[in-house]
Every structure is written in structure tokens, then in C-alpha cells.
C-alpha atoms as a PDB file:
ATOM      1  CA  MET A   1      85.829 101.612 139.210  1.00  0.00           C
ATOM      2  CA  ALA A   2      88.638 104.152 139.414  1.00  0.00           C
ATOM      3  CA  VAL A   3      89.153 106.373 136.398  1.00  0.00           C
ATOM      4  CA  VAL A   4      92.722 106.184 135.137  1.00  0.00           C
ATOM      5  CA  ARG A   5      93.738 109.481 133.562  1.00  0.00           C
ATOM      6  CA  PRO A   6      96.768 110.214 131.370  1.00  0.00           C
ATOM      7  CA  PRO A   7      98.558 113.562 131.347  1.00  0.00           C
ATOM      8  CA  GLU A   8      96.489 116.294 129.696  1.00  0.00           C
ATOM      9  CA  SER A   9      99.155 116.721 127.045  1.00  0.00           C
ATOM     10  CA  GLU A  10      98.302 113.372 125.451  1.00  0.00           C
ATOM     11  CA  ALA A  11      96.427 113.536 122.165  1.00  0.00           C
ATOM     12  CA  VAL A  12      93.693 111.154 123.310  1.00  0.00           C
ATOM     13  CA  SER A  13      92.336 112.056 126.721  1.00  0.00           C
ATOM     14  CA  ALA A  14      91.279 109.497 129.287  1.00  0.00           C
ATOM     15  CA  PRO A  15      87.733 108.197 129.056  1.00  0.00           C
ATOM     16  CA  ASP A  16      85.271 109.543 131.600  1.00  0.00           C
ATOM     17  CA  THR A  17      83.413 106.567 133.048  1.00  0.00           C
ATOM     18  CA  GLU A  18      81.329 108.635 135.447  1.00  0.00           C
ATOM     19  CA  GLY A  19      78.744 109.736 132.888  1.00  0.00           C
ATOM     20  CA  ALA A  20      75.757 107.866 131.535  1.00  0.00           C
ATOM     21  CA  VAL A  21      76.470 104.693 129.580  1.00  0.00           C
ATOM     22  CA  ALA A  22      74.719 103.416 126.490  1.00  0.00           C
ATOM     23  CA  PRO A  23      71.525 101.466 127.259  1.00  0.00           C
ATOM     24  CA  ARG A  24      72.031  97.716 127.161  1.00  0.00           C
ATOM     25  CA  ARG A  25      69.729  95.625 125.005  1.00  0.00           C
ATOM     26  CA  ALA A  26      68.945  92.188 126.409  1.00  0.00           C
ATOM     27  CA  ALA A  27      69.808  90.495 123.105  1.00  0.00           C
ATOM     28  CA  ASP A  28      73.187  92.219 122.609  1.00  0.00           C
ATOM     29  CA  VAL A  29      76.013  89.796 121.942  1.00  0.00           C
ATOM     30  CA  VAL A  30      78.598  92.574 122.384  1.00  0.00           C
ATOM     31  CA  HIS A  31      78.108  95.613 124.601  1.00  0.00           C
ATOM     32  CA  LEU A  32      80.885  98.113 125.311  1.00  0.00           C
ATOM     33  CA  ASP A  33      80.267 101.139 127.531  1.00  0.00           C
ATOM     34  CA  ALA A  34      82.769 104.037 127.524  1.00  0.00           C
ATOM     35  CA  VAL A  35      85.647 101.641 126.902  1.00  0.00           C
ATOM     36  CA  GLY A  36      89.211 102.938 126.963  1.00  0.00           C
ATOM     37  CA  VAL A  37      92.456 101.054 126.415  1.00  0.00           C
ATOM     38  CA  ARG A  38      95.865 102.351 127.393  1.00  0.00           C
ATOM     39  CA  ARG A  39      99.112 101.037 125.945  1.00  0.00           C
ATOM     40  CA  GLY A  40     101.964 102.246 128.125  1.00  0.00           C
ATOM     41  CA  ARG A  41     101.313 105.966 128.619  1.00  0.00           C
ATOM     42  CA  ARG A  42      99.262 106.303 125.437  1.00  0.00           C
ATOM     43  CA  TRP A  43      95.503 105.835 125.078  1.00  0.00           C
ATOM     44  CA  VAL A  44      94.692 103.875 121.914  1.00  0.00           C
ATOM     45  CA  LEU A  45      90.928 103.831 122.573  1.00  0.00           C
ATOM     46  CA  ALA A  46      88.834 106.361 124.476  1.00  0.00           C
ATOM     47  CA  GLU A  47      85.138 106.510 125.371  1.00  0.00           C
ATOM     48  CA  VAL A  48      84.035 103.894 122.833  1.00  0.00           C
ATOM     49  CA  ASP A  49      80.463 102.579 122.959  1.00  0.00           C
ATOM     50  CA  LEU A  50      79.474  99.591 120.855  1.00  0.00           C
ATOM     51  CA  ALA A  51      76.422  97.324 120.837  1.00  0.00           C
ATOM     52  CA  VAL A  52      75.933  94.451 118.389  1.00  0.00           C
ATOM     53  CA  GLY A  53      72.944  92.127 118.402  1.00  0.00           C
ATOM     54  CA  PRO A  54      72.278  88.813 116.634  1.00  0.00           C
ATOM     55  CA  GLY A  55      72.325  89.157 112.864  1.00  0.00           C
ATOM     56  CA  GLU A  56      73.761  92.696 112.993  1.00  0.00           C
ATOM     57  CA  ILE A  57      76.896  93.725 111.127  1.00  0.00           C
ATOM     58  CA  VAL A  58      78.848  96.700 112.440  1.00  0.00           C
ATOM     59  CA  ALA A  59      81.685  97.903 110.233  1.00  0.00           C
ATOM     60  CA  VAL A  60      84.601  99.683 111.909  1.00  0.00           C
ATOM     61  CA  THR A  61      86.639 101.922 109.640  1.00  0.00           C
ATOM     62  CA  GLY A  62      89.440 104.431 109.998  1.00  0.00           C
ATOM     63  CA  SER A  63      92.948 105.216 108.852  1.00  0.00           C
ATOM     64  CA  SER A  64      95.994 103.267 109.992  1.00  0.00           C
ATOM     65  CA  GLY A  65      96.522 103.573 113.751  1.00  0.00           C
ATOM     66  CA  CYS A  66      92.894 104.546 114.448  1.00  0.00           C
ATOM     67  CA  GLY A  67      92.484 101.821 117.101  1.00  0.00           C
ATOM     68  CA  ALA A  68      90.268  99.449 115.103  1.00  0.00           C
ATOM     69  CA  SER A  69      92.328  96.315 115.797  1.00  0.00           C
ATOM     70  CA  THR A  70      92.383  97.107 119.525  1.00  0.00           C
ATOM     71  CA  LEU A  71      88.618  97.615 119.511  1.00  0.00           C
ATOM     72  CA  LEU A  72      88.164  94.237 117.829  1.00  0.00           C
ATOM     73  CA  ALA A  73      90.361  92.571 120.431  1.00  0.00           C
ATOM     74  CA  VAL A  74      88.202  93.998 123.236  1.00  0.00           C
ATOM     75  CA  ALA A  75      84.987  92.989 121.443  1.00  0.00           C
ATOM     76  CA  ALA A  76      86.320  89.446 121.016  1.00  0.00           C
ATOM     77  CA  GLY A  77      87.238  89.193 124.703  1.00  0.00           C
ATOM     78  CA  ARG A  78      90.939  88.895 123.896  1.00  0.00           C
ATOM     79  CA  ARG A  79      91.961  92.157 125.524  1.00  0.00           C
ATOM     80  CA  ARG A  80      90.798  93.780 128.744  1.00  0.00           C
ATOM     81  CA  ALA A  81      89.643  97.377 128.739  1.00  0.00           C
ATOM     82  CA  THR A  82      91.629  99.744 130.950  1.00  0.00           C
ATOM     83  CA  VAL A  83      88.444 101.615 131.824  1.00  0.00           C
ATOM     84  CA  GLY A  84      84.787 101.204 130.985  1.00  0.00           C
ATOM     85  CA  ARG A  85      82.669  98.080 130.816  1.00  0.00           C
ATOM     86  CA  ALA A  86      82.852  95.304 128.214  1.00  0.00           C
ATOM     87  CA  ARG A  87      80.477  92.381 127.858  1.00  0.00           C
ATOM     88  CA  THR A  88      80.852  89.893 125.020  1.00  0.00           C
ATOM     89  CA  ALA A  89      80.114  86.302 124.067  1.00  0.00           C
ATOM     90  CA  ALA A  90      81.866  83.397 125.767  1.00  0.00           C
ATOM     91  CA  ARG A  91      85.240  82.523 124.280  1.00  0.00           C
ATOM     92  CA  HIS A  92      83.969  79.283 122.698  1.00  0.00           C
ATOM     93  CA  GLU A  93      81.199  81.274 120.973  1.00  0.00           C
ATOM     94  CA  VAL A  94      83.606  83.695 119.275  1.00  0.00           C
ATOM     95  CA  ARG A  95      85.655  83.282 116.116  1.00  0.00           C
ATOM     96  CA  VAL A  96      88.251  85.808 114.948  1.00  0.00           C
ATOM     97  CA  VAL A  97      89.584  86.032 111.395  1.00  0.00           C
ATOM     98  CA  ALA A  98      92.391  88.489 110.616  1.00  0.00           C
ATOM     99  CA  GLY A  99      93.369  88.971 107.009  1.00  0.00           C
ATOM    100  CA  ASP A 100      97.094  89.316 107.699  1.00  0.00           C
ATOM    101  CA  ALA A 101      97.339  86.393 110.129  1.00  0.00           C
ATOM    102  CA  PRO A 102      98.897  83.090 109.011  1.00  0.00           C
ATOM    103  CA  LEU A 103      96.467  80.207 108.609  1.00  0.00           C
ATOM    104  CA  PRO A 104      97.696  77.302 110.739  1.00  0.00           C
ATOM    105  CA  LEU A 105      97.270  73.687 109.733  1.00  0.00           C
ATOM    106  CA  LEU A 106      94.245  72.472 111.738  1.00  0.00           C
ATOM    107  CA  PRO A 107      93.522  68.876 110.660  1.00  0.00           C
ATOM    108  CA  GLY A 108      90.551  68.589 113.033  1.00  0.00           C
ATOM    109  CA  VAL A 109      88.740  71.607 111.601  1.00  0.00           C
ATOM    110  CA  ASP A 110      87.111  70.662 108.311  1.00  0.00           C
ATOM    111  CA  PRO A 111      84.649  73.204 106.885  1.00  0.00           C
ATOM    112  CA  ASP A 112      81.208  72.081 105.779  1.00  0.00           C
ATOM    113  CA  ALA A 113      80.702  71.907 102.031  1.00  0.00           C
ATOM    114  CA  ALA A 114      77.995  74.567 102.314  1.00  0.00           C
ATOM    115  CA  ASP A 115      80.393  76.954 104.038  1.00  0.00           C
ATOM    116  CA  LEU A 116      83.057  76.323 101.405  1.00  0.00           C
ATOM    117  CA  THR A 117      80.493  77.262  98.770  1.00  0.00           C
ATOM    118  CA  VAL A 118      79.614  80.503 100.601  1.00  0.00           C
ATOM    119  CA  VAL A 119      83.245  81.650 100.449  1.00  0.00           C
ATOM    120  CA  GLY A 120      83.754  80.532  96.856  1.00  0.00           C
ATOM    121  CA  LEU A 121      85.717  77.318  97.380  1.00  0.00           C
ATOM    122  CA  THR A 122      84.812  73.848  96.126  1.00  0.00           C
ATOM    123  CA  ALA A 123      84.629  70.729  98.269  1.00  0.00           C
ATOM    124  CA  GLY A 124      87.665  69.356  96.414  1.00  0.00           C
ATOM    125  CA  ALA A 125      89.862  72.405  97.065  1.00  0.00           C
ATOM    126  CA  PRO A 126      93.145  71.756  98.911  1.00  0.00           C
ATOM    127  CA  ARG A 127      92.838  72.202 102.686  1.00  0.00           C
ATOM    128  CA  ARG A 128      96.551  72.613 103.472  1.00  0.00           C
ATOM    129  CA  PRO A 129      97.515  76.297 103.620  1.00  0.00           C
ATOM    130  CA  HIS A 130     100.781  75.917 101.703  1.00  0.00           C
ATOM    131  CA  LEU A 131      98.830  74.607  98.690  1.00  0.00           C
ATOM    132  CA  LEU A 132      96.529  77.627  98.560  1.00  0.00           C
ATOM    133  CA  SER A 133      96.919  81.139  97.208  1.00  0.00           C
ATOM    134  CA  GLY A 134      96.813  84.023  99.673  1.00  0.00           C
ATOM    135  CA  GLY A 135      93.214  84.821  98.759  1.00  0.00           C
ATOM    136  CA  ASP A 136      92.090  81.198  99.074  1.00  0.00           C
ATOM    137  CA  ARG A 137      93.745  80.916 102.478  1.00  0.00           C
ATOM    138  CA  GLN A 138      91.550  83.806 103.576  1.00  0.00           C
ATOM    139  CA  ARG A 139      88.503  82.070 102.112  1.00  0.00           C
ATOM    140  CA  LEU A 140      89.365  78.872 103.995  1.00  0.00           C
ATOM    141  CA  ALA A 141      89.794  80.768 107.279  1.00  0.00           C
ATOM    142  CA  LEU A 142      86.303  82.237 106.844  1.00  0.00           C
ATOM    143  CA  ALA A 143      84.795  78.843 105.972  1.00  0.00           C
ATOM    144  CA  ARG A 144      86.285  77.330 109.137  1.00  0.00           C
ATOM    145  CA  ALA A 145      84.869  80.171 111.187  1.00  0.00           C
ATOM    146  CA  LEU A 146      81.395  79.707 109.685  1.00  0.00           C
ATOM    147  CA  THR A 147      81.419  75.958 110.340  1.00  0.00           C
ATOM    148  CA  ALA A 148      82.104  76.618 114.041  1.00  0.00           C
ATOM    149  CA  ALA A 149      78.646  78.304 114.205  1.00  0.00           C
ATOM    150  CA  PRO A 150      79.777  81.266 116.353  1.00  0.00           C
ATOM    151  CA  ARG A 151      77.472  83.744 118.089  1.00  0.00           C
ATOM    152  CA  LEU A 152      80.076  86.436 117.375  1.00  0.00           C
ATOM    153  CA  LEU A 153      82.378  86.759 114.383  1.00  0.00           C
ATOM    154  CA  VAL A 154      85.159  89.351 114.597  1.00  0.00           C
ATOM    155  CA  LEU A 155      86.803  90.144 111.257  1.00  0.00           C
ATOM    156  CA  ASP A 156      89.903  92.293 110.782  1.00  0.00           C
ATOM    157  CA  ASP A 157      90.171  93.105 107.071  1.00  0.00           C
ATOM    158  CA  PRO A 158      89.574  89.412 106.248  1.00  0.00           C
ATOM    159  CA  LEU A 159      89.512  89.774 102.441  1.00  0.00           C
ATOM    160  CA  SER A 160      92.595  91.930 101.905  1.00  0.00           C
ATOM    161  CA  ARG A 161      94.256  89.500  99.477  1.00  0.00           C
ATOM    162  CA  LEU A 162      91.318  89.107  97.117  1.00  0.00           C
ATOM    163  CA  HIS A 163      90.888  90.875  93.796  1.00  0.00           C
ATOM    164  CA  SER A 164      88.427  93.761  94.028  1.00  0.00           C
ATOM    165  CA  VAL A 165      85.692  92.029  91.973  1.00  0.00           C
ATOM    166  CA  GLU A 166      85.982  88.748  93.914  1.00  0.00           C
ATOM    167  CA  ARG A 167      86.082  90.697  97.156  1.00  0.00           C
ATOM    168  CA  ALA A 168      82.879  92.602  96.412  1.00  0.00           C
ATOM    169  CA  GLU A 169      81.055  89.380  95.498  1.00  0.00           C
ATOM    170  CA  LEU A 170      82.240  87.607  98.649  1.00  0.00           C
ATOM    171  CA  VAL A 171      81.313  90.551 100.879  1.00  0.00           C
ATOM    172  CA  SER A 172      77.718  90.362  99.613  1.00  0.00           C
ATOM    173  CA  ALA A 173      77.518  86.573 100.007  1.00  0.00           C
ATOM    174  CA  LEU A 174      78.990  86.648 103.498  1.00  0.00           C
ATOM    175  CA  ALA A 175      76.735  89.451 104.683  1.00  0.00           C
ATOM    176  CA  ARG A 176      73.623  87.586 103.505  1.00  0.00           C
ATOM    177  CA  THR A 177      74.742  84.350 105.159  1.00  0.00           C
ATOM    178  CA  LEU A 178      75.699  85.940 108.482  1.00  0.00           C
ATOM    179  CA  ARG A 179      72.431  87.850 108.772  1.00  0.00           C
ATOM    180  CA  ALA A 180      70.413  84.743 107.906  1.00  0.00           C
ATOM    181  CA  ARG A 181      72.232  82.737 110.605  1.00  0.00           C
ATOM    182  CA  GLY A 182      71.833  85.458 113.227  1.00  0.00           C
ATOM    183  CA  VAL A 183      75.572  85.897 113.774  1.00  0.00           C
ATOM    184  CA  ALA A 184      76.694  89.150 115.406  1.00  0.00           C
ATOM    185  CA  VAL A 185      79.570  90.610 113.380  1.00  0.00           C
ATOM    186  CA  VAL A 186      82.192  93.277 114.050  1.00  0.00           C
ATOM    187  CA  TRP A 187      84.054  93.811 110.765  1.00  0.00           C
ATOM    188  CA  ALA A 188      87.036  96.173 110.467  1.00  0.00           C
ATOM    189  CA  THR A 189      87.855  97.404 106.986  1.00  0.00           C
ATOM    190  CA  ARG A 190      89.991 100.249 105.680  1.00  0.00           C
ATOM    191  CA  ASP A 191      87.791 100.374 102.565  1.00  0.00           C
ATOM    192  CA  THR A 192      84.994 102.836 103.342  1.00  0.00           C
ATOM    193  CA  ALA A 193      82.983 101.795 100.272  1.00  0.00           C
ATOM    194  CA  GLU A 194      83.062  98.227 101.574  1.00  0.00           C
ATOM    195  CA  ALA A 195      81.981  99.387 105.034  1.00  0.00           C
ATOM    196  CA  PHE A 196      78.966 101.202 103.560  1.00  0.00           C
ATOM    197  CA  ALA A 197      78.049  98.223 101.358  1.00  0.00           C
ATOM    198  CA  LEU A 198      78.061  95.486 103.998  1.00  0.00           C
ATOM    199  CA  ALA A 199      77.084  97.067 107.311  1.00  0.00           C
ATOM    200  CA  ASP A 200      73.888  97.786 109.174  1.00  0.00           C
ATOM    201  CA  ARG A 201      75.854 100.391 111.122  1.00  0.00           C
ATOM    202  CA  VAL A 202      79.224 102.045 110.557  1.00  0.00           C
ATOM    203  CA  LEU A 203      81.562 103.187 113.318  1.00  0.00           C
ATOM    204  CA  ALA A 204      84.289 105.589 112.167  1.00  0.00           C
ATOM    205  CA  LEU A 205      87.382 105.885 114.368  1.00  0.00           C
ATOM    206  CA  SER A 206      90.082 108.539 114.441  1.00  0.00           C
ATOM    207  CA  ALA A 207      92.964 108.500 116.939  1.00  0.00           C
ATOM    208  CA  GLY A 208      91.100 106.070 119.165  1.00  0.00           C
ATOM    209  CA  ARG A 209      87.834 108.020 119.335  1.00  0.00           C
ATOM    210  CA  VAL A 210      84.501 107.490 117.621  1.00  0.00           C
ATOM    211  CA  VAL A 211      83.949 110.429 115.251  1.00  0.00           C
ATOM    212  CA  ALA A 212      80.724 109.089 113.730  1.00  0.00           C
ATOM    213  CA  THR A 213      78.376 106.155 114.107  1.00  0.00           C
ATOM    214  CA  GLY A 214      75.071 105.295 112.499  1.00  0.00           C
ATOM    215  CA  ALA A 215      73.526 103.770 109.404  1.00  0.00           C
ATOM    216  CA  PRO A 216      75.793 103.902 106.324  1.00  0.00           C
ATOM    217  CA  GLU A 217      73.629 106.618 104.750  1.00  0.00           C
ATOM    218  CA  GLN A 218      73.820 108.746 107.893  1.00  0.00           C
ATOM    219  CA  VAL A 219      77.604 108.512 108.169  1.00  0.00           C
ATOM    220  CA  SER A 220      78.157 109.091 104.453  1.00  0.00           C
ATOM    221  CA  ALA A 221      76.046 112.255 104.591  1.00  0.00           C
ATOM    222  CA  ARG A 222      78.517 113.694 107.128  1.00  0.00           C
ATOM    223  CA  ALA A 223      81.613 112.794 105.092  1.00  0.00           C
ATOM    224  CA  ALA A 224      82.725 116.403 104.580  1.00  0.00           C
ATOM    225  CA  GLU A 225      82.762 117.220 108.292  1.00  0.00           C
ATOM    226  CA  PRO A 226      86.249 118.180 109.529  1.00  0.00           C
ATOM    227  CA  GLU A 227      86.645 115.162 111.846  1.00  0.00           C
ATOM    228  CA  LEU A 228      85.280 112.668 109.331  1.00  0.00           C
ATOM    229  CA  ALA A 229      86.939 113.905 106.147  1.00  0.00           C
ATOM    230  CA  PRO A 230      90.327 112.261 106.862  1.00  0.00           C
ATOM    231  CA  VAL A 231      88.568 108.964 107.615  1.00  0.00           C
ATOM    232  CA  LEU A 232      86.126 108.733 104.720  1.00  0.00           C
ATOM    233  CA  GLY A 233      88.213 110.155 101.932  1.00  0.00           C
ATOM    234  CA  PRO A 234      89.648 113.329 100.432  1.00  0.00           C
ATOM    235  CA  VAL A 235      87.859 116.658 100.514  1.00  0.00           C
ATOM    236  CA  SER A 236      88.735 120.023  99.045  1.00  0.00           C
ATOM    237  CA  ALA A 237      88.837 123.232 101.085  1.00  0.00           C
ATOM    238  CA  VAL A 238      87.546 126.219  99.108  1.00  0.00           C
ATOM    239  CA  PRO A 239      86.847 129.806 100.251  1.00  0.00           C
ATOM    240  CA  GLY A 240      83.365 130.851 101.287  1.00  0.00           C
ATOM    241  CA  ILE A 241      81.493 133.498 103.257  1.00  0.00           C
ATOM    242  CA  VAL A 242      78.919 132.521 105.871  1.00  0.00           C
ATOM    243  CA  ASP A 243      75.826 134.667 106.250  1.00  0.00           C
ATOM    244  CA  GLY A 244      73.236 133.257 108.623  1.00  0.00           C
ATOM    245  CA  ASP A 245      72.339 129.703 107.670  1.00  0.00           C
ATOM    246  CA  MET A 246      73.825 129.998 104.166  1.00  0.00           C
ATOM    247  CA  VAL A 247      77.333 130.199 102.756  1.00  0.00           C
ATOM    248  CA  ASP A 248      78.390 131.848  99.504  1.00  0.00           C
ATOM    249  CA  VAL A 249      80.704 129.628  97.435  1.00  0.00           C
ATOM    250  CA  TRP A 250      81.705 130.675  93.917  1.00  0.00           C
ATOM    251  CA  GLY A 251      78.590 132.844  93.676  1.00  0.00           C
ATOM    252  CA  GLN A 252      76.315 129.988  94.811  1.00  0.00           C
ATOM    253  CA  GLU A 253      74.233 130.229  97.978  1.00  0.00           C
ATOM    254  CA  MET A 254      74.614 126.866  99.740  1.00  0.00           C
ATOM    255  CA  PRO A 255      72.825 125.668 102.900  1.00  0.00           C
ATOM    256  CA  LEU A 256      74.995 124.938 105.925  1.00  0.00           C
ATOM    257  CA  ALA A 257      75.128 121.394 107.319  1.00  0.00           C
ATOM    258  CA  ALA A 258      75.793 122.887 110.775  1.00  0.00           C
ATOM    259  CA  SER A 259      75.725 126.377 112.241  1.00  0.00           C
ATOM    260  CA  ALA A 260      78.824 128.535 111.760  1.00  0.00           C
ATOM    261  CA  HIS A 261      79.968 132.055 112.581  1.00  0.00           C
ATOM    262  CA  ASP A 262      79.318 134.705 109.963  1.00  0.00           C
ATOM    263  CA  GLY A 263      82.276 135.745 107.843  1.00  0.00           C
ATOM    264  CA  HIS A 264      85.036 134.185 105.769  1.00  0.00           C
ATOM    265  CA  CYS A 265      85.622 130.453 106.125  1.00  0.00           C
ATOM    266  CA  GLU A 266      86.778 127.322 104.339  1.00  0.00           C
ATOM    267  CA  VAL A 267      84.087 125.131 102.819  1.00  0.00           C
ATOM    268  CA  LEU A 268      84.786 121.387 102.752  1.00  0.00           C
ATOM    269  CA  VAL A 269      83.682 119.769  99.517  1.00  0.00           C
ATOM    270  CA  ARG A 270      83.487 116.082  98.572  1.00  0.00           C
ATOM    271  CA  PRO A 271      84.688 115.100  95.049  1.00  0.00           C
ATOM    272  CA  GLU A 272      81.265 113.731  94.087  1.00  0.00           C
ATOM    273  CA  ASP A 273      79.638 117.082  94.970  1.00  0.00           C
ATOM    274  CA  VAL A 274      81.700 119.043  92.422  1.00  0.00           C
ATOM    275  CA  LEU A 275      80.132 119.273  88.967  1.00  0.00           C
ATOM    276  CA  LEU A 276      81.520 120.116  85.543  1.00  0.00           C
ATOM    277  CA  VAL A 277      79.254 122.765  84.029  1.00  0.00           C
ATOM    278  CA  ASP A 278      79.079 124.650  80.754  1.00  0.00           C
ATOM    279  CA  VAL A 279      81.566 127.471  80.371  1.00  0.00           C
ATOM    280  CA  ASP A 280      78.891 130.143  79.978  1.00  0.00           C
ATOM    281  CA  GLY A 281      79.481 132.431  82.940  1.00  0.00           C
ATOM    282  CA  GLY A 282      76.735 130.795  85.054  1.00  0.00           C
ATOM    283  CA  PRO A 283      77.134 129.852  88.728  1.00  0.00           C
ATOM    284  CA  GLY A 284      80.498 128.379  89.544  1.00  0.00           C
ATOM    285  CA  VAL A 285      84.148 129.198  88.978  1.00  0.00           C
ATOM    286  CA  ASP A 286      86.637 128.817  86.150  1.00  0.00           C
ATOM    287  CA  ALA A 287      89.408 126.277  86.648  1.00  0.00           C
ATOM    288  CA  VAL A 288      92.357 124.625  84.918  1.00  0.00           C
ATOM    289  CA  VAL A 289      92.909 120.867  84.913  1.00  0.00           C
ATOM    290  CA  GLU A 290      96.091 119.755  86.692  1.00  0.00           C
ATOM    291  CA  GLU A 291      95.632 115.985  86.370  1.00  0.00           C
ATOM    292  CA  SER A 292      92.956 113.452  85.514  1.00  0.00           C
ATOM    293  CA  THR A 293      93.087 109.732  86.280  1.00  0.00           C
ATOM    294  CA  PHE A 294      91.013 107.055  84.567  1.00  0.00           C
ATOM    295  CA  LEU A 295      89.311 104.708  87.071  1.00  0.00           C
ATOM    296  CA  GLY A 296      87.105 102.681  84.755  1.00  0.00           C
ATOM    297  CA  GLY A 297      83.585 104.077  84.791  1.00  0.00           C
ATOM    298  CA  THR A 298      84.727 107.310  86.416  1.00  0.00           C
ATOM    299  CA  ARG A 299      87.648 109.711  86.386  1.00  0.00           C
ATOM    300  CA  ARG A 300      89.307 111.405  89.358  1.00  0.00           C
ATOM    301  CA  THR A 301      90.347 114.920  88.364  1.00  0.00           C
ATOM    302  CA  ILE A 302      92.181 117.697  90.192  1.00  0.00           C
ATOM    303  CA  VAL A 303      91.717 121.264  89.013  1.00  0.00           C
ATOM    304  CA  ARG A 304      93.104 124.641  90.103  1.00  0.00           C
ATOM    305  CA  ALA A 305      90.217 127.056  90.574  1.00  0.00           C
ATOM    306  CA  ALA A 306      90.495 130.757  89.735  1.00  0.00           C
ATOM    307  CA  ASP A 307      90.574 131.515  93.480  1.00  0.00           C
ATOM    308  CA  GLY A 308      93.753 129.419  93.779  1.00  0.00           C
ATOM    309  CA  SER A 309      92.242 126.409  95.551  1.00  0.00           C
ATOM    310  CA  LEU A 310      92.912 122.843  94.455  1.00  0.00           C
ATOM    311  CA  VAL A 311      89.623 121.024  93.918  1.00  0.00           C
ATOM    312  CA  ARG A 312      89.100 117.266  93.519  1.00  0.00           C
ATOM    313  CA  LEU A 313      86.151 115.986  91.558  1.00  0.00           C
ATOM    314  CA  GLN A 314      84.885 112.612  90.430  1.00  0.00           C
ATOM    315  CA  HIS A 315      82.979 112.448  87.176  1.00  0.00           C
ATOM    316  CA  SER A 316      82.022 110.192  84.300  1.00  0.00           C
ATOM    317  CA  SER A 317      84.922 108.801  82.286  1.00  0.00           C
ATOM    318  CA  ALA A 318      83.022 109.877  79.158  1.00  0.00           C
ATOM    319  CA  ARG A 319      84.430 113.382  79.824  1.00  0.00           C
ATOM    320  CA  ASP A 320      88.152 113.019  79.078  1.00  0.00           C
ATOM    321  CA  LEU A 321      90.059 116.009  80.451  1.00  0.00           C
ATOM    322  CA  ALA A 322      93.615 116.873  79.515  1.00  0.00           C
ATOM    323  CA  PRO A 323      96.149 118.762  81.663  1.00  0.00           C
ATOM    324  CA  ARG A 324      95.867 122.557  81.296  1.00  0.00           C
ATOM    325  CA  GLU A 325      92.383 122.258  79.800  1.00  0.00           C
ATOM    326  CA  ARG A 326      90.061 125.057  80.919  1.00  0.00           C
ATOM    327  CA  VAL A 327      86.791 124.011  82.562  1.00  0.00           C
ATOM    328  CA  ARG A 328      84.113 125.462  84.803  1.00  0.00           C
ATOM    329  CA  ILE A 329      82.999 123.814  88.032  1.00  0.00           C
ATOM    330  CA  ALA A 330      80.086 124.323  90.414  1.00  0.00           C
ATOM    331  CA  LEU A 331      78.707 122.656  93.518  1.00  0.00           C
ATOM    332  CA  ALA A 332      75.801 120.239  93.649  1.00  0.00           C
ATOM    333  CA  ASP A 333      72.819 121.413  95.675  1.00  0.00           C
ATOM    334  CA  VAL A 334      73.792 119.832  99.018  1.00  0.00           C
ATOM    335  CA  ALA A 335      74.344 121.103 102.535  1.00  0.00           C
ATOM    336  CA  VAL A 336      78.031 121.849 103.126  1.00  0.00           C
ATOM    337  CA  SER A 337      80.336 121.844 106.129  1.00  0.00           C
ATOM    338  CA  THR A 338      82.733 124.646 106.996  1.00  0.00           C
ATOM    339  CA  ARG A 339      85.713 125.298 109.210  1.00  0.00           C
ATOM    340  CA  PRO A 340      87.324 128.547 110.384  1.00  0.00           C
ATOM    341  CA  LEU A 341      90.209 129.984 108.401  1.00  0.00           C
ATOM    342  CA  ALA A 342      93.567 128.724 109.666  1.00  0.00           C
END
């Protein structure tokens, strides 16, 4: 196969199909090797590997424009890869449910009562789309897909119109059902918490490239890395000094998650790794609250540290912080990622 290469100035370079490909498992329902997709002169996917076996759920997550919908189309056999190799289930064995797609009137497709129950609908619920709410139309689309008994289910944010509590309950019920039935699932979601909750493996995309893949715990542990931070949520950049395999941050000696050059740097910090500590001059740094938002059981707070950096933290809502309140913050004892000074 010839390798089609875009100009070097493009943000996403052409995939290199001449290297080794991921090993194929005999049971894989979907297997993509170094897949790239070009739209016009722009590459929307590059060097993507994906393998999904029976009963496995792979969650694909990333910001808008990351290439997730294109990846799903290739996995479903609805779009050809420009380069690389793609093997998937036969068309009649695949069902695709997209949360933003209209639900057509399909009189011949009547979901089983058991599948209606899985998605939270009753047997007596209306079956005509115009009689259903947006969330129930999504439930009905999923029930129809389940009744078709697919080998492969491809889901593109299928629960986007459901309330957060209903959505979380349905995610759990669906995941249990799909695993029990041995259905291979590729599930795209922009909600990283949902991706971690439902998946056996998470694939994080940025600008058409895979920036992380692995078990949810493995990917979450890398959330402060420079490439992953924009995908998995906000991080704060605070000053530090690298010395060997440690970095000094606010007077604390923190282990490095990856090797870095000695000297001044920026340390990338996740909100959940920033702690409110007693104002007693211990490890940490003084700060002033700029804003604090109530989120139910937690609060999301932004403070201005004495070194001038803006720091985001997430903490218990029992600690109510007011703007301009003085606090002291420190880092939890975790390995941290760094990047060179701009």
C-alpha cells in the first residue's frame, strides 16, 4: 500500500504504515492498524490503532474536533481509511447510535420488552419519535440497537439529552448488559468521568492522534501530562525547580512522573491534587481566593498564589471560601509532570 503524505506544514502528519502494526487477536471484532483518514488536504486521523474484542468497551474521548466521530465511522465500516488497515464486523452485525441524529420512524423495528427495560422505558411507552422527549428518543434508539443483537455497537455520545443522574444510571445498566451479551463496543463521549466509569479501556484523542490509551486508572494517572491535560480537564501551571528525579514546588520536594532537565520549569497540577492546609507556615504557599463555585458535594475554587500563578483546586463543599479570603495551599504527595518554561 502506498503511503499518502500531506505537506509537512500540516498540523497532523501523515501516518507511517511501514512500521510494525499492533498484533491482531483472533477474537477481535474491530482491529485498526495505523489508520489515517484525510479530508481534503487535512488529516483528521493519524496512526490510530484500535482493537476491541467481544464484551469489551472502549471509550473514545477528546475535545471537539479531535477525530472521534471519524474514528467511529471507520470502526463501523462506514468510512474507508486513507492509509492503514481496518477490519471490522460485517455491516449487518453492526449498529450505530449517534446522540444528535434524528430517530426515524421504523415500524418494522420493535424493541424487545427486556431491552426497553434496560434503557429505562416501559413496554407501553410510545414508539413514535414525535411523541417522545429528546432523552426518550435516545433510549428508544438504544433499545432498537440492542434488540438487533449486534456483534459491534458503535455509540457517538448516545445519552447527551439525558439528565446527569439518569445518564449515570443508564451508563451502568448498559455497560453491564453489553458485557454480559458479549457485544464489542466503541463508545465516544466528551465526558471524561463517564469514559472512566464505563470503559475497560480509554482512548484519548487530540487533533486526530492518540495521546493516551489504557485502562481508565492508567490514563487518569497521566492526566497532568502536557498532551493529555487539554483532553482530560484543566490543570494549573505553577513554577518549580527540577533537581535530579525531584522537583521543588512551594518548598515541597515532589517526585517526577517523567524525567526532565534540571532547572526552572512549570509544574502541571490537577485540581484534585491541590490541598487546603492550615495557615501555619508549613509546606505550601499562601494564596488569595479569586472565585469559588458550588458543585454539590464539592467546590471548584480558583486562587492566586503568592508566586502569581492561578491555581485551580477541587475540595469539599463543607469549606465555603469567599472571594479575597486568604488561604494556604499545598500539593498532595503524587508524582508530577513538568514542561519547559515558555
